């Protein structure tokens, strides 16, 4: 699959993402634009689709998605002020992904869910509800940075101490960042915690929720480390993407990582 986006630009934006909320949104928008190209290569035509974003956060992904989709709805458990400011023209609705979604069956043609599932205590509910509100011919892009990844996003705020176990990681991170986090599960307050997930584990969760994986790939990379065997896949994949389709019986077997 052709990769048309600039990884060096992503690194530059990523390194500067902490300067301000707008710098973080600029990084997200670049990622979303690249993701749209990847989706197009998979035959996902956003201008024809009703799109739901789960975990809109600061709204950087939302900007790019809303500009392409036939209709677009951003959602999250907390409303970022950007949706009352520069993104005020983007529809937003509160959705708690650990509860029933406030939408009817078959309400959306495409669901975008990036960097959310690793912050959710019950990912099975997120996936089963996504399956319910998605049309039978729809698709979902689910993506996250594997917890054990060696990249700058692996382990999130606890890197690189997450390789030493939760107790040590929390203690060291608190000392470094002058925080008082209790444990992974309460790392981000109302916005959620951090729950260690593997590439293969999430693929199996998606299958249990009624999806099959049309593709599993590494975001913005010519080398698809996401399909390598564990533990190399989780160590070397900076961000894994699953293009999920509803399994209606007789669907192709998901090509799961071993």
Protein backbone atom coordinates (compact mmCIF):
# COMPACT_ATOMS: atom_id res chain seq x y z
CA UNK A 1 0.00 0.00 0.00
CA UNK A 2 1.42 3.38 -0.97
CA UNK A 3 2.40 5.69 1.86
CA UNK A 4 2.23 9.31 0.76
CA UNK A 5 2.81 11.10 4.06
CA UNK A 6 5.98 12.40 5.66
CA UNK A 7 7.23 10.47 8.66
CA UNK A 8 9.96 13.08 9.32
CA UNK A 9 7.21 15.72 9.50
CA UNK A 10 5.32 13.54 11.97
CA UNK A 11 8.44 13.23 14.16
CA UNK A 12 8.93 17.00 14.08
CA UNK A 13 5.29 17.63 15.00
CA UNK A 14 5.42 14.89 17.63
CA UNK A 15 8.48 16.35 19.34
CA UNK A 16 6.79 19.75 19.48
CA UNK A 17 3.35 18.54 20.49
CA UNK A 18 3.73 19.57 24.15
CA UNK A 19 4.34 23.24 23.35
CA UNK A 20 0.63 24.01 23.22
CA UNK A 21 -2.79 22.51 22.60
CA UNK A 22 -2.65 23.87 19.05
CA UNK A 23 0.70 22.16 18.43
CA UNK A 24 -0.87 18.90 19.58
CA UNK A 25 -3.81 19.45 17.24
CA UNK A 26 -1.44 20.13 14.34
CA UNK A 27 0.19 16.73 14.92
CA UNK A 28 -3.22 15.04 15.06
CA UNK A 29 -4.41 16.75 11.89
CA UNK A 30 -1.34 15.58 9.99
CA UNK A 31 -1.91 12.02 11.20
CA UNK A 32 -5.58 12.17 10.21
CA UNK A 33 -4.76 13.46 6.73
CA UNK A 34 -2.33 10.59 6.25
CA UNK A 35 -4.89 8.14 7.62
CA UNK A 36 -7.47 9.39 5.13
CA UNK A 37 -5.02 8.56 2.32
CA UNK A 38 -4.51 5.09 3.79
CA UNK A 39 -8.26 4.56 4.06
CA UNK A 40 -8.74 5.65 0.45
CA UNK A 41 -6.21 3.01 -0.61
CA UNK A 42 -8.43 0.48 1.21
CA UNK A 43 -11.53 1.65 -0.66
CA UNK A 44 -13.01 3.69 2.21
CA UNK A 45 -14.51 6.79 0.56
CA UNK A 46 -15.25 9.27 3.35
CA UNK A 47 -17.16 11.79 1.17
CA UNK A 48 -19.87 9.15 0.80
CA UNK A 49 -20.05 8.17 4.46
CA UNK A 50 -21.66 9.15 7.76
CA UNK A 51 -18.70 9.24 10.12
CA UNK A 52 -18.51 8.96 13.92
CA UNK A 53 -15.30 9.75 15.78
CA UNK A 54 -14.90 8.13 19.19
CA UNK A 55 -12.46 9.90 21.50
CA UNK A 56 -12.20 13.23 19.70
CA UNK A 57 -10.09 14.71 22.48
CA UNK A 58 -8.55 18.03 21.44
CA UNK A 59 -10.15 17.93 18.01
CA UNK A 60 -7.11 17.65 15.76
CA UNK A 61 -8.33 14.49 14.03
CA UNK A 62 -11.82 15.97 13.86
CA UNK A 63 -10.77 18.85 11.64
CA UNK A 64 -9.41 16.62 8.89
CA UNK A 65 -12.21 14.06 9.10
CA UNK A 66 -15.01 16.65 9.11
CA UNK A 67 -13.59 18.30 5.99
CA UNK A 68 -13.85 15.03 4.04
CA UNK A 69 -16.88 13.16 5.36
CA UNK A 70 -20.42 13.35 3.98
CA UNK A 71 -21.52 13.96 7.58
CA UNK A 72 -19.39 13.94 10.71
CA UNK A 73 -19.96 13.70 14.46
CA UNK A 74 -17.17 14.04 17.01
CA UNK A 75 -17.65 12.53 20.45
CA UNK A 76 -15.88 12.12 23.77
CA UNK A 77 -16.62 11.97 27.47
CA UNK A 78 -15.22 15.49 28.01
CA UNK A 79 -15.84 18.41 25.66
CA UNK A 80 -12.66 20.24 24.73
CA UNK A 81 -13.05 24.05 24.49
CA UNK A 82 -11.90 23.87 20.86
CA UNK A 83 -15.42 22.66 19.97
CA UNK A 84 -16.74 25.99 21.25
CA UNK A 85 -14.01 27.89 19.43
CA UNK A 86 -12.16 27.12 16.21
CA UNK A 87 -13.99 23.80 15.79
CA UNK A 88 -17.40 25.19 16.74
CA UNK A 89 -18.82 24.25 13.34
CA UNK A 90 -18.14 20.56 14.01
CA UNK A 91 -21.00 18.58 15.58
CA UNK A 92 -20.04 17.10 18.96
CA UNK A 93 -21.87 14.80 21.35
CA UNK A 94 -20.93 13.34 24.70
CA UNK A 95 -20.37 9.59 24.52
CA UNK A 96 -19.15 7.39 27.36
CA UNK A 97 -17.70 4.38 25.55
CA UNK A 98 -18.07 2.28 28.70
CA UNK A 99 -21.87 2.64 28.49
CA UNK A 100 -24.50 2.26 25.76
CA UNK A 101 -23.93 4.74 22.94
CA UNK A 102 -26.78 7.30 22.48
CA UNK A 103 -27.37 6.21 18.87
CA UNK A 104 -29.65 3.74 17.17
CA UNK A 105 -28.54 0.61 15.37
CA UNK A 106 -26.91 1.12 11.95
CA UNK A 107 -26.47 4.89 12.47
CA UNK A 108 -23.02 5.27 10.90
CA UNK A 109 -21.10 4.02 7.87
CA UNK A 110 -17.64 4.55 9.34
CA UNK A 111 -16.19 4.86 12.85
CA UNK A 112 -12.81 6.41 13.59
CA UNK A 113 -11.30 5.51 16.95
CA UNK A 114 -7.67 6.49 17.46
CA UNK A 115 -5.66 6.32 20.70
CA UNK A 116 -8.71 5.64 22.85
CA UNK A 117 -9.04 1.92 23.48
CA UNK A 118 -5.91 1.76 25.66
CA UNK A 119 -7.56 4.27 28.05
CA UNK A 120 -10.79 2.30 28.48
CA UNK A 121 -11.33 -0.10 31.36
CA UNK A 122 -13.86 -2.20 29.41
CA UNK A 123 -12.80 -2.22 25.74
CA UNK A 124 -15.27 -5.01 24.99
CA UNK A 125 -18.18 -2.58 25.52
CA UNK A 126 -16.57 0.01 23.23
CA UNK A 127 -16.25 -2.58 20.48
CA UNK A 128 -19.68 -4.18 20.88
CA UNK A 129 -21.40 -0.78 20.86
CA UNK A 130 -19.38 0.30 17.83
CA UNK A 131 -20.52 -2.86 16.09
CA UNK A 132 -24.16 -2.09 17.00
CA UNK A 133 -24.24 1.47 15.64
CA UNK A 134 -22.29 0.58 12.49
CA UNK A 135 -24.11 -0.42 9.32
CA UNK A 136 -23.66 -3.97 8.05
CA UNK A 137 -21.59 -2.66 5.12
CA UNK A 138 -19.68 -0.19 7.27
CA UNK A 139 -16.14 -0.23 8.62
CA UNK A 140 -14.18 0.96 11.61
CA UNK A 141 -10.62 2.16 11.93
CA UNK A 142 -9.35 1.25 15.38
CA UNK A 143 -5.80 2.25 16.27
CA UNK A 144 -3.53 2.65 19.29
CA UNK A 145 0.15 2.60 20.31
CA UNK A 146 0.98 -0.85 21.76
CA UNK A 147 1.85 -0.56 25.45
CA UNK A 148 5.19 -2.32 25.06
CA UNK A 149 6.29 -0.31 22.03
CA UNK A 150 9.81 1.08 22.12
CA UNK A 151 8.57 4.27 20.41
CA UNK A 152 8.02 7.55 22.21
CA UNK A 153 4.32 6.76 22.63
CA UNK A 154 4.77 3.29 24.12
CA UNK A 155 3.85 3.27 27.79
CA UNK A 156 2.60 6.86 27.48
CA UNK A 157 3.60 9.03 30.42
CA UNK A 158 5.20 6.04 32.16
CA UNK A 159 7.83 5.34 29.51
CA UNK A 160 10.52 4.03 29.78
CA UNK A 161 9.76 2.85 33.29
CA UNK A 162 6.79 0.72 32.15
CA UNK A 163 9.25 -2.07 31.37
CA UNK A 164 10.03 -2.29 35.10
CA UNK A 165 6.47 -3.07 36.20
CA UNK A 166 3.54 -0.90 37.25
CA UNK A 167 4.64 -0.18 40.81
CA UNK A 168 8.08 1.07 39.80
CA UNK A 169 6.76 2.84 36.70
CA UNK A 170 4.17 4.83 38.65
CA UNK A 171 6.67 5.78 41.36
CA UNK A 172 9.35 6.88 38.91
CA UNK A 173 6.89 8.76 36.71
CA UNK A 174 5.44 10.60 39.70
CA UNK A 175 8.91 11.68 40.77
CA UNK A 176 9.87 12.79 37.27
CA UNK A 177 6.66 14.67 36.43
CA UNK A 178 5.82 15.88 39.97
CA UNK A 179 2.50 14.04 39.95
CA UNK A 180 0.62 11.85 42.39
CA UNK A 181 -0.86 9.13 40.20
CA UNK A 182 -2.16 6.12 42.10
CA UNK A 183 -1.86 3.49 39.39
CA UNK A 184 -2.27 2.94 35.64
CA UNK A 185 -6.05 2.69 35.91
CA UNK A 186 -6.36 6.23 37.32
CA UNK A 187 -3.65 7.90 35.25
CA UNK A 188 -5.85 10.47 33.48
CA UNK A 189 -8.71 11.13 35.88
CA UNK A 190 -12.14 11.47 34.26
CA UNK A 191 -10.62 10.92 30.82
CA UNK A 192 -9.59 7.36 31.75
CA UNK A 193 -6.59 5.35 32.78
CA UNK A 194 -3.96 3.40 30.91
CA UNK A 195 -4.48 -0.32 30.34
CA UNK A 196 -1.68 -2.41 28.81
CA UNK A 197 -2.87 -3.87 25.49
CA UNK A 198 -1.17 -6.01 22.86
CA UNK A 199 -1.74 -6.10 19.12
CA UNK A 200 -2.98 -9.68 19.15
CA UNK A 201 -5.10 -9.13 22.24
CA UNK A 202 -7.04 -6.25 20.70
CA UNK A 203 -7.52 -8.23 17.48
CA UNK A 204 -9.15 -11.01 19.49
CA UNK A 205 -11.35 -8.52 21.36
CA UNK A 206 -12.55 -7.13 18.04
CA UNK A 207 -13.32 -10.62 16.78
CA UNK A 208 -15.32 -11.38 19.95
CA UNK A 209 -17.34 -8.20 19.39
CA UNK A 210 -18.44 -9.32 15.93
CA UNK A 211 -15.76 -7.85 13.68
CA UNK A 212 -13.24 -9.34 11.33
CA UNK A 213 -9.99 -7.56 10.46
CA UNK A 214 -9.83 -6.72 6.78
CA UNK A 215 -6.34 -5.45 7.44
CA UNK A 216 -3.91 -4.87 10.30
CA UNK A 217 -1.06 -2.50 9.54
CA UNK A 218 1.43 -0.02 10.98
CA UNK A 219 0.37 3.60 10.65
CA UNK A 220 2.38 5.63 8.12
CA UNK A 221 5.01 2.92 7.69
CA UNK A 222 6.26 1.02 4.66
CA UNK A 223 7.31 -1.82 6.97
CA UNK A 224 4.29 -3.55 8.51
CA UNK A 225 5.75 -4.57 11.86
CA UNK A 226 2.20 -5.02 13.20
CA UNK A 227 2.04 -8.37 11.40
CA UNK A 228 5.26 -9.70 12.87
CA UNK A 229 5.16 -12.28 15.64
CA UNK A 230 4.92 -11.29 19.29
CA UNK A 231 6.88 -9.80 21.00
CA UNK A 232 8.60 -8.13 18.02
CA UNK A 233 5.30 -6.75 16.71
CA UNK A 234 4.49 -5.00 19.98
CA UNK A 235 8.03 -3.79 20.57
CA UNK A 236 8.62 -2.39 17.07
CA UNK A 237 5.16 -1.06 16.09
CA UNK A 238 4.74 2.56 17.02
CA UNK A 239 1.01 2.65 16.19
CA UNK A 240 -1.13 -0.28 15.01
CA UNK A 241 -4.23 0.17 12.82
CA UNK A 242 -7.07 -2.33 12.41
CA UNK A 243 -9.51 -1.87 9.54
CA UNK A 244 -12.52 -3.72 10.93
CA UNK A 245 -15.66 -4.92 9.17
CA UNK A 246 -18.83 -6.44 10.66
CA UNK A 247 -18.64 -10.22 10.57
CA UNK A 248 -21.92 -11.34 9.05
CA UNK A 249 -21.06 -15.01 8.90
CA UNK A 250 -18.94 -16.34 6.12
CA UNK A 251 -16.68 -13.30 6.30
CA UNK A 252 -13.00 -13.85 5.55
CA UNK A 253 -11.06 -15.13 8.54
CA UNK A 254 -9.27 -12.28 10.30
CA UNK A 255 -5.57 -12.30 9.55
CA UNK A 256 -4.49 -12.04 13.16
CA UNK A 257 -0.89 -11.59 14.24
CA UNK A 258 0.53 -14.75 15.80
